Amino acid sequence: MEASERVTWESCPVCGRPAAVGWLSALPVEFDCPGGCSLSAEQVRAFAARRGRPPAVWLTRP
């Protein structure tokens, strides 16, 4: 696995804790939750779909 180009902090969709998401070529390639949660392929695609939106939109959680 190649190293991430950048890292963003996201709310884990499983436990809600802040989790690190590593990105490479506009795709999430790493996910690290302090709770040890794993993501489904659908959850990973949701992170990728948020990329490209202004940070104020996709970093704000409802």
PDB file of N, CA and C in Angstrom:
ATOM      1  N   MET A   1       0.844  -1.173   0.000  1.00  0.00           N
ATOM      2  CA  MET A   1       0.000   0.000   0.000  1.00  0.00           C
ATOM      3  C   MET A   1       0.889   1.235   0.000  1.00  0.00           C
ATOM      4  N   GLU A   2       0.507   2.211  -0.831  1.00  0.00           N
ATOM      5  CA  GLU A   2       1.244   3.461  -0.873  1.00  0.00           C
ATOM      6  C   GLU A   2       0.803   4.362   0.273  1.00  0.00           C
ATOM      7  N   ALA A   3       1.684   5.263   0.635  1.00  0.00           N
ATOM      8  CA  ALA A   3       1.372   6.209   1.706  1.00  0.00           C
ATOM      9  C   ALA A   3       0.330   7.217   1.222  1.00  0.00           C
ATOM     10  N   SER A   4      -0.443   7.729   2.133  1.00  0.00           N
ATOM     11  CA  SER A   4      -1.458   8.724   1.817  1.00  0.00           C
ATOM     12  C   SER A   4      -0.807  10.036   1.403  1.00  0.00           C
ATOM     13  N   GLU A   5      -1.493  10.760   0.501  1.00  0.00           N
ATOM     14  CA  GLU A   5      -1.047  12.097   0.114  1.00  0.00           C
ATOM     15  C   GLU A   5      -1.450  13.111   1.169  1.00  0.00           C
ATOM     16  N   ARG A   6      -2.611  12.886   1.774  1.00  0.00           N
ATOM     17  CA  ARG A   6      -3.083  13.791   2.822  1.00  0.00           C
ATOM     18  C   ARG A   6      -4.024  13.030   3.736  1.00  0.00           C
ATOM     19  N   VAL A   7      -4.271  13.607   4.897  1.00  0.00           N
ATOM     20  CA  VAL A   7      -5.128  12.985   5.900  1.00  0.00           C
ATOM     21  C   VAL A   7      -6.179  13.995   6.334  1.00  0.00           C
ATOM     22  N   THR A   8      -7.412  13.535   6.461  1.00  0.00           N
ATOM     23  CA  THR A   8      -8.475  14.368   7.011  1.00  0.00           C
ATOM     24  C   THR A   8      -9.036  13.674   8.245  1.00  0.00           C
ATOM     25  N   TRP A   9      -9.637  14.459   9.100  1.00  0.00           N
ATOM     26  CA  TRP A   9     -10.301  13.910  10.283  1.00  0.00           C
ATOM     27  C   TRP A   9     -11.796  13.874  10.002  1.00  0.00           C
ATOM     28  N   GLU A  10     -12.389  12.717  10.201  1.00  0.00           N
ATOM     29  CA  GLU A  10     -13.808  12.486   9.942  1.00  0.00           C
ATOM     30  C   GLU A  10     -14.437  11.833  11.167  1.00  0.00           C
ATOM     31  N   SER A  11     -15.716  11.987  11.303  1.00  0.00           N
ATOM     32  CA  SER A  11     -16.434  11.242  12.338  1.00  0.00           C
ATOM     33  C   SER A  11     -16.607   9.811  11.850  1.00  0.00           C
ATOM     34  N   CYS A  12     -16.235   8.869  12.678  1.00  0.00           N
ATOM     35  CA  CYS A  12     -16.408   7.466  12.323  1.00  0.00           C
ATOM     36  C   CYS A  12     -17.903   7.185  12.190  1.00  0.00           C
ATOM     37  N   PRO A  13     -18.351   6.611  11.077  1.00  0.00           N
ATOM     38  CA  PRO A  13     -19.773   6.324  10.917  1.00  0.00           C
ATOM     39  C   PRO A  13     -20.269   5.192  11.816  1.00  0.00           C
ATOM     40  N   VAL A  14     -19.358   4.466  12.448  1.00  0.00           N
ATOM     41  CA  VAL A  14     -19.746   3.363  13.329  1.00  0.00           C
ATOM     42  C   VAL A  14     -19.897   3.844  14.772  1.00  0.00           C
ATOM     43  N   CYS A  15     -18.862   4.532  15.304  1.00  0.00           N
ATOM     44  CA  CYS A  15     -18.882   4.908  16.717  1.00  0.00           C
ATOM     45  C   CYS A  15     -18.961   6.415  16.963  1.00  0.00           C
ATOM     46  N   GLY A  16     -18.726   7.223  15.910  1.00  0.00           N
ATOM     47  CA  GLY A  16     -18.814   8.669  16.052  1.00  0.00           C
ATOM     48  C   GLY A  16     -17.547   9.360  16.535  1.00  0.00           C
ATOM     49  N   ARG A  17     -16.510   8.606  16.864  1.00  0.00           N
ATOM     50  CA  ARG A  17     -15.250   9.208  17.308  1.00  0.00           C
ATOM     51  C   ARG A  17     -14.519   9.834  16.118  1.00  0.00           C
ATOM     52  N   PRO A  18     -13.625  10.802  16.377  1.00  0.00           N
ATOM     53  CA  PRO A  18     -12.803  11.333  15.284  1.00  0.00           C
ATOM     54  C   PRO A  18     -11.862  10.243  14.771  1.00  0.00           C
ATOM     55  N   ALA A  19     -11.841  10.054  13.465  1.00  0.00           N
ATOM     56  CA  ALA A  19     -10.996   9.037  12.852  1.00  0.00           C
ATOM     57  C   ALA A  19     -10.205   9.660  11.711  1.00  0.00           C
ATOM     58  N   ALA A  20      -9.010   9.149  11.471  1.00  0.00           N
ATOM     59  CA  ALA A  20      -8.163   9.643  10.388  1.00  0.00           C
ATOM     60  C   ALA A  20      -8.484   8.888   9.106  1.00  0.00           C
ATOM     61  N   VAL A  21      -8.634   9.648   8.018  1.00  0.00           N
ATOM     62  CA  VAL A  21      -8.847   9.055   6.700  1.00  0.00           C
ATOM     63  C   VAL A  21      -7.691   9.509   5.819  1.00  0.00           C
ATOM     64  N   GLY A  22      -6.948   8.551   5.277  1.00  0.00           N
ATOM     65  CA  GLY A  22      -5.834   8.850   4.380  1.00  0.00           C
ATOM     66  C   GLY A  22      -6.297   8.801   2.940  1.00  0.00           C
ATOM     67  N   TRP A  23      -5.850   9.779   2.149  1.00  0.00           N
ATOM     68  CA  TRP A  23      -6.291   9.929   0.757  1.00  0.00           C
ATOM     69  C   TRP A  23      -5.110   9.788  -0.188  1.00  0.00           C
ATOM     70  N   LEU A  24      -5.347   9.156  -1.342  1.00  0.00           N
ATOM     71  CA  LEU A  24      -4.365   9.027  -2.403  1.00  0.00           C
ATOM     72  C   LEU A  24      -5.110   9.124  -3.727  1.00  0.00           C
ATOM     73  N   SER A  25      -4.737  10.100  -4.529  1.00  0.00           N
ATOM     74  CA  SER A  25      -5.391  10.309  -5.835  1.00  0.00           C
ATOM     75  C   SER A  25      -6.906  10.413  -5.695  1.00  0.00           C
ATOM     76  N   ALA A  26      -7.363  11.211  -4.767  1.00  0.00           N
ATOM     77  CA  ALA A  26      -8.784  11.502  -4.539  1.00  0.00           C
ATOM     78  C   ALA A  26      -9.593  10.314  -4.034  1.00  0.00           C
ATOM     79  N   LEU A  27      -8.938   9.266  -3.575  1.00  0.00           N
ATOM     80  CA  LEU A  27      -9.650   8.108  -3.037  1.00  0.00           C
ATOM     81  C   LEU A  27      -9.194   7.836  -1.612  1.00  0.00           C
ATOM     82  N   PRO A  28     -10.133   7.482  -0.722  1.00  0.00           N
ATOM     83  CA  PRO A  28      -9.729   7.114   0.638  1.00  0.00           C
ATOM     84  C   PRO A  28      -9.040   5.747   0.611  1.00  0.00           C
ATOM     85  N   VAL A  29      -7.810   5.691   1.121  1.00  0.00           N
ATOM     86  CA  VAL A  29      -7.040   4.449   1.086  1.00  0.00           C
ATOM     87  C   VAL A  29      -6.715   3.923   2.481  1.00  0.00           C
ATOM     88  N   GLU A  30      -6.902   4.750   3.481  1.00  0.00           N
ATOM     89  CA  GLU A  30      -6.633   4.320   4.857  1.00  0.00           C
ATOM     90  C   GLU A  30      -7.710   4.880   5.767  1.00  0.00           C
ATOM     91  N   PHE A  31      -8.059   4.130   6.802  1.00  0.00           N
ATOM     92  CA  PHE A  31      -9.029   4.573   7.797  1.00  0.00           C
ATOM     93  C   PHE A  31      -8.537   4.084   9.140  1.00  0.00           C
ATOM     94  N   ASP A  32      -8.409   5.004  10.098  1.00  0.00           N
ATOM     95  CA  ASP A  32      -7.906   4.624  11.413  1.00  0.00           C
ATOM     96  C   ASP A  32      -8.798   5.225  12.489  1.00  0.00           C
ATOM     97  N   CYS A  33      -9.599   4.382  13.109  1.00  0.00           N
ATOM     98  CA  CYS A  33     -10.498   4.796  14.184  1.00  0.00           C
ATOM     99  C   CYS A  33      -9.913   4.331  15.518  1.00  0.00           C
ATOM    100  N   PRO A  34      -9.881   5.207  16.530  1.00  0.00           N
ATOM    101  CA  PRO A  34      -9.342   4.786  17.825  1.00  0.00           C
ATOM    102  C   PRO A  34     -10.167   3.687  18.486  1.00  0.00           C
ATOM    103  N   GLY A  35     -11.413   3.516  18.020  1.00  0.00           N
ATOM    104  CA  GLY A  35     -12.259   2.458  18.558  1.00  0.00           C
ATOM    105  C   GLY A  35     -12.056   1.124  17.870  1.00  0.00           C
ATOM    106  N   GLY A  36     -11.192   1.095  16.827  1.00  0.00           N
ATOM    107  CA  GLY A  36     -10.920  -0.147  16.114  1.00  0.00           C
ATOM    108  C   GLY A  36     -11.989  -0.508  15.098  1.00  0.00           C
ATOM    109  N   CYS A  37     -12.843   0.435  14.734  1.00  0.00           N
ATOM    110  CA  CYS A  37     -13.931   0.169  13.788  1.00  0.00           C
ATOM    111  C   CYS A  37     -13.392  -0.058  12.380  1.00  0.00           C
ATOM    112  N   SER A  38     -14.105  -0.870  11.616  1.00  0.00           N
ATOM    113  CA  SER A  38     -13.807  -1.093  10.205  1.00  0.00           C
ATOM    114  C   SER A  38     -14.969  -0.554   9.390  1.00  0.00           C
ATOM    115  N   LEU A  39     -14.680  -0.143   8.151  1.00  0.00           N
ATOM    116  CA  LEU A  39     -15.721   0.404   7.299  1.00  0.00           C
ATOM    117  C   LEU A  39     -16.104  -0.571   6.195  1.00  0.00           C
ATOM    118  N   SER A  40     -17.365  -0.525   5.802  1.00  0.00           N
ATOM    119  CA  SER A  40     -17.817  -1.292   4.644  1.00  0.00           C
ATOM    120  C   SER A  40     -17.408  -0.535   3.387  1.00  0.00           C
ATOM    121  N   ALA A  41     -17.493  -1.182   2.244  1.00  0.00           N
ATOM    122  CA  ALA A  41     -17.169  -0.528   0.973  1.00  0.00           C
ATOM    123  C   ALA A  41     -18.090   0.667   0.740  1.00  0.00           C
ATOM    124  N   GLU A  42     -19.339   0.573   1.126  1.00  0.00           N
ATOM    125  CA  GLU A  42     -20.294   1.674   0.959  1.00  0.00           C
ATOM    126  C   GLU A  42     -19.885   2.885   1.805  1.00  0.00           C
ATOM    127  N   GLN A  43     -19.431   2.654   3.021  1.00  0.00           N
ATOM    128  CA  GLN A  43     -18.992   3.750   3.886  1.00  0.00           C
ATOM    129  C   GLN A  43     -17.740   4.421   3.325  1.00  0.00           C
ATOM    130  N   VAL A  44     -16.841   3.638   2.746  1.00  0.00           N
ATOM    131  CA  VAL A  44     -15.645   4.200   2.126  1.00  0.00           C
ATOM    132  C   VAL A  44     -16.046   5.066   0.933  1.00  0.00           C
ATOM    133  N   ARG A  45     -17.002   4.611   0.119  1.00  0.00           N
ATOM    134  CA  ARG A  45     -17.476   5.398  -1.021  1.00  0.00           C
ATOM    135  C   ARG A  45     -18.106   6.706  -0.557  1.00  0.00           C
ATOM    136  N   ALA A  46     -18.759   6.714   0.602  1.00  0.00           N
ATOM    137  CA  ALA A  46     -19.363   7.939   1.130  1.00  0.00           C
ATOM    138  C   ALA A  46     -18.287   8.981   1.441  1.00  0.00           C
ATOM    139  N   PHE A  47     -17.133   8.547   1.979  1.00  0.00           N
ATOM    140  CA  PHE A  47     -16.036   9.484   2.216  1.00  0.00           C
ATOM    141  C   PHE A  47     -15.551  10.061   0.884  1.00  0.00           C
ATOM    142  N   ALA A  48     -15.427   9.209  -0.128  1.00  0.00           N
ATOM    143  CA  ALA A  48     -14.955   9.671  -1.431  1.00  0.00           C
ATOM    144  C   ALA A  48     -15.948  10.653  -2.051  1.00  0.00           C
ATOM    145  N   ALA A  49     -17.239  10.443  -1.856  1.00  0.00           N
ATOM    146  CA  ALA A  49     -18.262  11.328  -2.417  1.00  0.00           C
ATOM    147  C   ALA A  49     -18.194  12.718  -1.791  1.00  0.00           C
ATOM    148  N   ARG A  50     -17.803  12.808  -0.528  1.00  0.00           N
ATOM    149  CA  ARG A  50     -17.700  14.112   0.141  1.00  0.00           C
ATOM    150  C   ARG A  50     -16.504  14.910  -0.344  1.00  0.00           C
ATOM    151  N   ARG A  51     -15.492  14.215  -0.827  1.00  0.00           N
ATOM    152  CA  ARG A  51     -14.290  14.914  -1.300  1.00  0.00           C
ATOM    153  C   ARG A  51     -14.664  15.784  -2.496  1.00  0.00           C
ATOM    154  N   GLY A  52     -14.148  16.972  -2.532  1.00  0.00           N
ATOM    155  CA  GLY A  52     -14.452  17.883  -3.615  1.00  0.00           C
ATOM    156  C   GLY A  52     -15.470  18.935  -3.208  1.00  0.00           C
ATOM    157  N   ARG A  53     -16.256  18.658  -2.189  1.00  0.00           N
ATOM    158  CA  ARG A  53     -17.153  19.678  -1.658  1.00  0.00           C
ATOM    159  C   ARG A  53     -16.340  20.622  -0.794  1.00  0.00           C
ATOM    160  N   PRO A  54     -16.766  21.872  -0.642  1.00  0.00           N
ATOM    161  CA  PRO A  54     -16.050  22.782   0.253  1.00  0.00           C
ATOM    162  C   PRO A  54     -15.996  22.197   1.674  1.00  0.00           C
ATOM    163  N   PRO A  55     -14.857  22.343   2.375  1.00  0.00           N
ATOM    164  CA  PRO A  55     -14.725  21.758   3.719  1.00  0.00           C
ATOM    165  C   PRO A  55     -15.850  22.156   4.671  1.00  0.00           C
ATOM    166  N   ALA A  56     -16.351  23.378   4.561  1.00  0.00           N
ATOM    167  CA  ALA A  56     -17.419  23.807   5.465  1.00  0.00           C
ATOM    168  C   ALA A  56     -18.659  22.948   5.303  1.00  0.00           C
ATOM    169  N   VAL A  57     -18.843  22.353   4.125  1.00  0.00           N
ATOM    170  CA  VAL A  57     -20.013  21.507   3.880  1.00  0.00           C
ATOM    171  C   VAL A  57     -19.782  20.092   4.386  1.00  0.00           C
ATOM    172  N   TRP A  58     -18.665  19.456   3.979  1.00  0.00           N
ATOM    173  CA  TRP A  58     -18.522  18.039   4.311  1.00  0.00           C
ATOM    174  C   TRP A  58     -17.881  17.776   5.657  1.00  0.00           C
ATOM    175  N   LEU A  59     -17.284  18.774   6.293  1.00  0.00           N
ATOM    176  CA  LEU A  59     -16.752  18.546   7.632  1.00  0.00           C
ATOM    177  C   LEU A  59     -17.806  18.801   8.705  1.00  0.00           C
ATOM    178  N   THR A  60     -18.910  19.425   8.345  1.00  0.00           N
ATOM    179  CA  THR A  60     -19.990  19.697   9.292  1.00  0.00           C
ATOM    180  C   THR A  60     -20.955  18.534   9.270  1.00  0.00           C
ATOM    181  N   ARG A  61     -21.144  17.921  10.389  1.00  0.00           N
ATOM    182  CA  ARG A  61     -22.029  16.766  10.481  1.00  0.00           C
ATOM    183  C   ARG A  61     -23.402  17.192  10.982  1.00  0.00           C
ATOM    184  N   PRO A  62     -24.464  16.630  10.395  1.00  0.00           N
ATOM    185  CA  PRO A  62     -25.818  16.957  10.888  1.00  0.00           C
ATOM    186  C   PRO A  62     -26.042  16.408  12.284  1.00  0.00           C
TER     187      PRO A  62
END
